[in-house]
Amino acid sequence: MKDPIPLGWRVERENRDKFTELAAKAGISGAALFDMMVETLELDERGLPNWVLREDAEGHLPIDKP
């Protein structure tokens, strides 16, 4: 690691446990899995992960607009 820091985010326990389980299955730490995911994440032309919905996605309501 070059510059390790704690994340300090509050996440759902079930998701944290699932993430920890995935890391264990891969034989690596949760931190290593996080780094690997971020470093290999496929981004679209917006610079966002491909699975992040577009604001103009049909059938989805904007949550921050009146």
PDB file of N, CA and C in Angstrom:
ATOM      1  N   MET A   1       0.831  -1.183   0.000  1.00  0.00           N
ATOM      2  CA  MET A   1       0.000   0.000   0.000  1.00  0.00           C
ATOM      3  C   MET A   1       0.876   1.247   0.000  1.00  0.00           C
ATOM      4  N   LYS A   2       0.451   2.225  -0.748  1.00  0.00           N
ATOM      5  CA  LYS A   2       1.215   3.469  -0.850  1.00  0.00           C
ATOM      6  C   LYS A   2       0.832   4.474   0.228  1.00  0.00           C
ATOM      7  N   ASP A   3      -0.467   4.658   0.446  1.00  0.00           N
ATOM      8  CA  ASP A   3      -0.949   5.681   1.374  1.00  0.00           C
ATOM      9  C   ASP A   3      -2.255   5.203   2.013  1.00  0.00           C
ATOM     10  N   PRO A   4      -2.212   4.170   2.865  1.00  0.00           N
ATOM     11  CA  PRO A   4      -3.442   3.602   3.417  1.00  0.00           C
ATOM     12  C   PRO A   4      -4.149   4.531   4.398  1.00  0.00           C
ATOM     13  N   ILE A   5      -5.476   4.558   4.285  1.00  0.00           N
ATOM     14  CA  ILE A   5      -6.306   5.334   5.214  1.00  0.00           C
ATOM     15  C   ILE A   5      -7.546   4.509   5.546  1.00  0.00           C
ATOM     16  N   PRO A   6      -8.159   4.709   6.726  1.00  0.00           N
ATOM     17  CA  PRO A   6      -9.427   4.030   7.020  1.00  0.00           C
ATOM     18  C   PRO A   6     -10.559   4.710   6.250  1.00  0.00           C
ATOM     19  N   LEU A   7     -11.531   3.925   5.820  1.00  0.00           N
ATOM     20  CA  LEU A   7     -12.637   4.490   5.043  1.00  0.00           C
ATOM     21  C   LEU A   7     -13.592   5.293   5.910  1.00  0.00           C
ATOM     22  N   GLY A   8     -14.000   4.750   7.027  1.00  0.00           N
ATOM     23  CA  GLY A   8     -14.856   5.495   7.936  1.00  0.00           C
ATOM     24  C   GLY A   8     -16.287   5.684   7.482  1.00  0.00           C
ATOM     25  N   TRP A   9     -16.771   4.862   6.551  1.00  0.00           N
ATOM     26  CA  TRP A   9     -18.148   4.966   6.085  1.00  0.00           C
ATOM     27  C   TRP A   9     -19.029   4.023   6.881  1.00  0.00           C
ATOM     28  N   ARG A  10     -20.265   4.419   7.084  1.00  0.00           N
ATOM     29  CA  ARG A  10     -21.251   3.537   7.709  1.00  0.00           C
ATOM     30  C   ARG A  10     -22.017   2.862   6.570  1.00  0.00           C
ATOM     31  N   VAL A  11     -22.006   1.549   6.577  1.00  0.00           N
ATOM     32  CA  VAL A  11     -22.698   0.777   5.545  1.00  0.00           C
ATOM     33  C   VAL A  11     -23.627  -0.231   6.212  1.00  0.00           C
ATOM     34  N   GLU A  12     -24.515  -0.785   5.429  1.00  0.00           N
ATOM     35  CA  GLU A  12     -25.415  -1.808   5.946  1.00  0.00           C
ATOM     36  C   GLU A  12     -24.599  -3.029   6.378  1.00  0.00           C
ATOM     37  N   ARG A  13     -24.891  -3.544   7.562  1.00  0.00           N
ATOM     38  CA  ARG A  13     -24.152  -4.692   8.104  1.00  0.00           C
ATOM     39  C   ARG A  13     -24.189  -5.884   7.142  1.00  0.00           C
ATOM     40  N   GLU A  14     -25.363  -6.156   6.583  1.00  0.00           N
ATOM     41  CA  GLU A  14     -25.499  -7.294   5.676  1.00  0.00           C
ATOM     42  C   GLU A  14     -24.574  -7.151   4.465  1.00  0.00           C
ATOM     43  N   ASN A  15     -24.471  -5.936   3.917  1.00  0.00           N
ATOM     44  CA  ASN A  15     -23.589  -5.708   2.768  1.00  0.00           C
ATOM     45  C   ASN A  15     -22.125  -5.833   3.164  1.00  0.00           C
ATOM     46  N   ARG A  16     -21.766  -5.314   4.336  1.00  0.00           N
ATOM     47  CA  ARG A  16     -20.386  -5.439   4.820  1.00  0.00           C
ATOM     48  C   ARG A  16     -20.025  -6.911   5.006  1.00  0.00           C
ATOM     49  N   ASP A  17     -20.952  -7.679   5.590  1.00  0.00           N
ATOM     50  CA  ASP A  17     -20.696  -9.103   5.811  1.00  0.00           C
ATOM     51  C   ASP A  17     -20.549  -9.848   4.492  1.00  0.00           C
ATOM     52  N   LYS A  18     -21.373  -9.501   3.514  1.00  0.00           N
ATOM     53  CA  LYS A  18     -21.283 -10.136   2.194  1.00  0.00           C
ATOM     54  C   LYS A  18     -19.949  -9.793   1.533  1.00  0.00           C
ATOM     55  N   PHE A  19     -19.533  -8.540   1.659  1.00  0.00           N
ATOM     56  CA  PHE A  19     -18.264  -8.100   1.085  1.00  0.00           C
ATOM     57  C   PHE A  19     -17.099  -8.851   1.735  1.00  0.00           C
ATOM     58  N   THR A  20     -17.146  -8.988   3.058  1.00  0.00           N
ATOM     59  CA  THR A  20     -16.108  -9.709   3.793  1.00  0.00           C
ATOM     60  C   THR A  20     -16.065 -11.170   3.355  1.00  0.00           C
ATOM     61  N   GLU A  21     -17.239 -11.752   3.146  1.00  0.00           N
ATOM     62  CA  GLU A  21     -17.323 -13.140   2.689  1.00  0.00           C
ATOM     63  C   GLU A  21     -16.721 -13.294   1.289  1.00  0.00           C
ATOM     64  N   LEU A  22     -17.017 -12.352   0.405  1.00  0.00           N
ATOM     65  CA  LEU A  22     -16.446 -12.390  -0.948  1.00  0.00           C
ATOM     66  C   LEU A  22     -14.924 -12.314  -0.901  1.00  0.00           C
ATOM     67  N   ALA A  23     -14.415 -11.424  -0.068  1.00  0.00           N
ATOM     68  CA  ALA A  23     -12.963 -11.287   0.063  1.00  0.00           C
ATOM     69  C   ALA A  23     -12.351 -12.580   0.589  1.00  0.00           C
ATOM     70  N   ALA A  24     -12.984 -13.178   1.594  1.00  0.00           N
ATOM     71  CA  ALA A  24     -12.473 -14.429   2.158  1.00  0.00           C
ATOM     72  C   ALA A  24     -12.462 -15.537   1.108  1.00  0.00           C
ATOM     73  N   LYS A  25     -13.516 -15.619   0.291  1.00  0.00           N
ATOM     74  CA  LYS A  25     -13.566 -16.623  -0.776  1.00  0.00           C
ATOM     75  C   LYS A  25     -12.429 -16.427  -1.772  1.00  0.00           C
ATOM     76  N   ALA A  26     -12.046 -15.163  -1.984  1.00  0.00           N
ATOM     77  CA  ALA A  26     -10.957 -14.846  -2.911  1.00  0.00           C
ATOM     78  C   ALA A  26      -9.591 -15.004  -2.247  1.00  0.00           C
ATOM     79  N   GLY A  27      -9.589 -15.199  -0.926  1.00  0.00           N
ATOM     80  CA  GLY A  27      -8.327 -15.365  -0.205  1.00  0.00           C
ATOM     81  C   GLY A  27      -7.585 -14.062   0.017  1.00  0.00           C
ATOM     82  N   ILE A  28      -8.334 -12.955   0.047  1.00  0.00           N
ATOM     83  CA  ILE A  28      -7.711 -11.646   0.253  1.00  0.00           C
ATOM     84  C   ILE A  28      -8.493 -10.879   1.323  1.00  0.00           C
ATOM     85  N   SER A  29      -7.944  -9.780   1.764  1.00  0.00           N
ATOM     86  CA  SER A  29      -8.630  -8.951   2.760  1.00  0.00           C
ATOM     87  C   SER A  29      -9.724  -8.115   2.094  1.00  0.00           C
ATOM     88  N   GLY A  30     -10.627  -7.598   2.915  1.00  0.00           N
ATOM     89  CA  GLY A  30     -11.650  -6.695   2.400  1.00  0.00           C
ATOM     90  C   GLY A  30     -11.031  -5.459   1.773  1.00  0.00           C
ATOM     91  N   ALA A  31      -9.960  -4.960   2.382  1.00  0.00           N
ATOM     92  CA  ALA A  31      -9.274  -3.779   1.845  1.00  0.00           C
ATOM     93  C   ALA A  31      -8.676  -4.077   0.476  1.00  0.00           C
ATOM     94  N   ALA A  32      -8.082  -5.258   0.335  1.00  0.00           N
ATOM     95  CA  ALA A  32      -7.488  -5.629  -0.952  1.00  0.00           C
ATOM     96  C   ALA A  32      -8.573  -5.778  -2.017  1.00  0.00           C
ATOM     97  N   LEU A  33      -9.723  -6.345  -1.636  1.00  0.00           N
ATOM     98  CA  LEU A  33     -10.824  -6.488  -2.587  1.00  0.00           C
ATOM     99  C   LEU A  33     -11.351  -5.120  -3.008  1.00  0.00           C
ATOM    100  N   PHE A  34     -11.496  -4.203  -2.056  1.00  0.00           N
ATOM    101  CA  PHE A  34     -11.947  -2.849  -2.369  1.00  0.00           C
ATOM    102  C   PHE A  34     -10.991  -2.193  -3.369  1.00  0.00           C
ATOM    103  N   ASP A  35      -9.690  -2.241  -3.076  1.00  0.00           N
ATOM    104  CA  ASP A  35      -8.704  -1.635  -3.974  1.00  0.00           C
ATOM    105  C   ASP A  35      -8.774  -2.261  -5.364  1.00  0.00           C
ATOM    106  N   MET A  36      -8.884  -3.594  -5.418  1.00  0.00           N
ATOM    107  CA  MET A  36      -8.943  -4.292  -6.696  1.00  0.00           C
ATOM    108  C   MET A  36     -10.184  -3.872  -7.483  1.00  0.00           C
ATOM    109  N   MET A  37     -11.314  -3.742  -6.791  1.00  0.00           N
ATOM    110  CA  MET A  37     -12.547  -3.342  -7.468  1.00  0.00           C
ATOM    111  C   MET A  37     -12.431  -1.931  -8.038  1.00  0.00           C
ATOM    112  N   VAL A  38     -11.917  -1.002  -7.252  1.00  0.00           N
ATOM    113  CA  VAL A  38     -11.786   0.385  -7.716  1.00  0.00           C
ATOM    114  C   VAL A  38     -10.812   0.469  -8.890  1.00  0.00           C
ATOM    115  N   GLU A  39      -9.714  -0.271  -8.806  1.00  0.00           N
ATOM    116  CA  GLU A  39      -8.682  -0.203  -9.847  1.00  0.00           C
ATOM    117  C   GLU A  39      -9.116  -0.841 -11.158  1.00  0.00           C
ATOM    118  N   THR A  40     -10.116  -1.729 -11.130  1.00  0.00           N
ATOM    119  CA  THR A  40     -10.538  -2.423 -12.352  1.00  0.00           C
ATOM    120  C   THR A  40     -11.963  -2.071 -12.772  1.00  0.00           C
ATOM    121  N   LEU A  41     -12.567  -1.093 -12.121  1.00  0.00           N
ATOM    122  CA  LEU A  41     -13.944  -0.697 -12.401  1.00  0.00           C
ATOM    123  C   LEU A  41     -14.072  -0.147 -13.817  1.00  0.00           C
ATOM    124  N   GLU A  42     -15.010  -0.700 -14.587  1.00  0.00           N
ATOM    125  CA  GLU A  42     -15.252  -0.197 -15.937  1.00  0.00           C
ATOM    126  C   GLU A  42     -16.146   1.036 -15.862  1.00  0.00           C
ATOM    127  N   LEU A  43     -15.684   2.115 -16.461  1.00  0.00           N
ATOM    128  CA  LEU A  43     -16.413   3.382 -16.431  1.00  0.00           C
ATOM    129  C   LEU A  43     -16.992   3.693 -17.801  1.00  0.00           C
ATOM    130  N   ASP A  44     -18.121   4.403 -17.798  1.00  0.00           N
ATOM    131  CA  ASP A  44     -18.718   4.829 -19.058  1.00  0.00           C
ATOM    132  C   ASP A  44     -18.193   6.211 -19.436  1.00  0.00           C
ATOM    133  N   GLU A  45     -18.791   6.806 -20.464  1.00  0.00           N
ATOM    134  CA  GLU A  45     -18.316   8.108 -20.948  1.00  0.00           C
ATOM    135  C   GLU A  45     -18.521   9.230 -19.936  1.00  0.00           C
ATOM    136  N   ARG A  46     -19.358   8.998 -18.917  1.00  0.00           N
ATOM    137  CA  ARG A  46     -19.561  10.001 -17.863  1.00  0.00           C
ATOM    138  C   ARG A  46     -18.500   9.899 -16.779  1.00  0.00           C
ATOM    139  N   GLY A  47     -17.704   8.821 -16.845  1.00  0.00           N
ATOM    140  CA  GLY A  47     -16.721   8.577 -15.800  1.00  0.00           C
ATOM    141  C   GLY A  47     -17.323   7.873 -14.599  1.00  0.00           C
ATOM    142  N   LEU A  48     -18.500   7.270 -14.785  1.00  0.00           N
ATOM    143  CA  LEU A  48     -19.199   6.549 -13.724  1.00  0.00           C
ATOM    144  C   LEU A  48     -19.233   5.065 -14.052  1.00  0.00           C
ATOM    145  N   PRO A  49     -19.367   4.215 -13.025  1.00  0.00           N
ATOM    146  CA  PRO A  49     -19.503   2.783 -13.305  1.00  0.00           C
ATOM    147  C   PRO A  49     -20.680   2.534 -14.245  1.00  0.00           C
ATOM    148  N   ASN A  50     -20.525   1.537 -15.112  1.00  0.00           N
ATOM    149  CA  ASN A  50     -21.558   1.233 -16.104  1.00  0.00           C
ATOM    150  C   ASN A  50     -22.921   0.951 -15.489  1.00  0.00           C
ATOM    151  N   TRP A  51     -22.956   0.472 -14.261  1.00  0.00           N
ATOM    152  CA  TRP A  51     -24.219   0.100 -13.622  1.00  0.00           C
ATOM    153  C   TRP A  51     -24.917   1.264 -12.917  1.00  0.00           C
ATOM    154  N   VAL A  52     -24.325   2.464 -12.908  1.00  0.00           N
ATOM    155  CA  VAL A  52     -25.000   3.632 -12.328  1.00  0.00           C
ATOM    156  C   VAL A  52     -26.002   4.147 -13.354  1.00  0.00           C
ATOM    157  N   LEU A  53     -27.265   4.237 -12.925  1.00  0.00           N
ATOM    158  CA  LEU A  53     -28.316   4.665 -13.847  1.00  0.00           C
ATOM    159  C   LEU A  53     -28.087   6.085 -14.343  1.00  0.00           C
ATOM    160  N   ARG A  54     -28.482   6.302 -15.567  1.00  0.00           N
ATOM    161  CA  ARG A  54     -28.441   7.644 -16.144  1.00  0.00           C
ATOM    162  C   ARG A  54     -29.625   8.440 -15.619  1.00  0.00           C
ATOM    163  N   GLU A  55     -29.455   9.743 -15.497  1.00  0.00           N
ATOM    164  CA  GLU A  55     -30.545  10.607 -15.031  1.00  0.00           C
ATOM    165  C   GLU A  55     -31.754  10.520 -15.948  1.00  0.00           C
ATOM    166  N   ASP A  56     -31.507  10.302 -17.229  1.00  0.00           N
ATOM    167  CA  ASP A  56     -32.598  10.277 -18.193  1.00  0.00           C
ATOM    168  C   ASP A  56     -33.101   8.862 -18.468  1.00  0.00           C
ATOM    169  N   ALA A  57     -32.761   7.911 -17.604  1.00  0.00           N
ATOM    170  CA  ALA A  57     -33.184   6.531 -17.822  1.00  0.00           C
ATOM    171  C   ALA A  57     -34.708   6.438 -17.794  1.00  0.00           C
ATOM    172  N   GLU A  58     -35.269   5.879 -18.840  1.00  0.00           N
ATOM    173  CA  GLU A  58     -36.722   5.773 -18.947  1.00  0.00           C
ATOM    174  C   GLU A  58     -37.267   4.871 -17.843  1.00  0.00           C
ATOM    175  N   GLY A  59     -38.343   5.320 -17.221  1.00  0.00           N
ATOM    176  CA  GLY A  59     -38.979   4.533 -16.185  1.00  0.00           C
ATOM    177  C   GLY A  59     -38.426   4.771 -14.794  1.00  0.00           C
ATOM    178  N   HIS A  60     -37.461   5.671 -14.663  1.00  0.00           N
ATOM    179  CA  HIS A  60     -36.898   5.995 -13.363  1.00  0.00           C
ATOM    180  C   HIS A  60     -37.187   7.455 -13.040  1.00  0.00           C
ATOM    181  N   LEU A  61     -37.627   7.690 -11.826  1.00  0.00           N
ATOM    182  CA  LEU A  61     -37.951   9.047 -11.414  1.00  0.00           C
ATOM    183  C   LEU A  61     -36.737   9.722 -10.794  1.00  0.00           C
ATOM    184  N   PRO A  62     -36.484  10.984 -11.121  1.00  0.00           N
ATOM    185  CA  PRO A  62     -35.385  11.710 -10.476  1.00  0.00           C
ATOM    186  C   PRO A  62     -35.724  11.945  -9.006  1.00  0.00           C
ATOM    187  N   ILE A  63     -34.787  11.674  -8.111  1.00  0.00           N
ATOM    188  CA  ILE A  63     -35.084  11.810  -6.685  1.00  0.00           C
ATOM    189  C   ILE A  63     -34.765  13.188  -6.137  1.00  0.00           C
ATOM    190  N   ASP A  64     -34.037  13.997  -6.891  1.00  0.00           N
ATOM    191  CA  ASP A  64     -33.653  15.310  -6.370  1.00  0.00           C
ATOM    192  C   ASP A  64     -34.270  16.468  -7.151  1.00  0.00           C
ATOM    193  N   LYS A  65     -35.281  16.178  -7.936  1.00  0.00           N
ATOM    194  CA  LYS A  65     -35.935  17.226  -8.721  1.00  0.00           C
ATOM    195  C   LYS A  65     -37.418  17.262  -8.381  1.00  0.00           C
ATOM    196  N   PRO A  66     -38.007  18.461  -8.374  1.00  0.00           N
ATOM    197  CA  PRO A  66     -39.442  18.573  -8.043  1.00  0.00           C
ATOM    198  C   PRO A  66     -40.338  17.921  -9.080  1.00  0.00           C
TER     199      PRO A  66
END
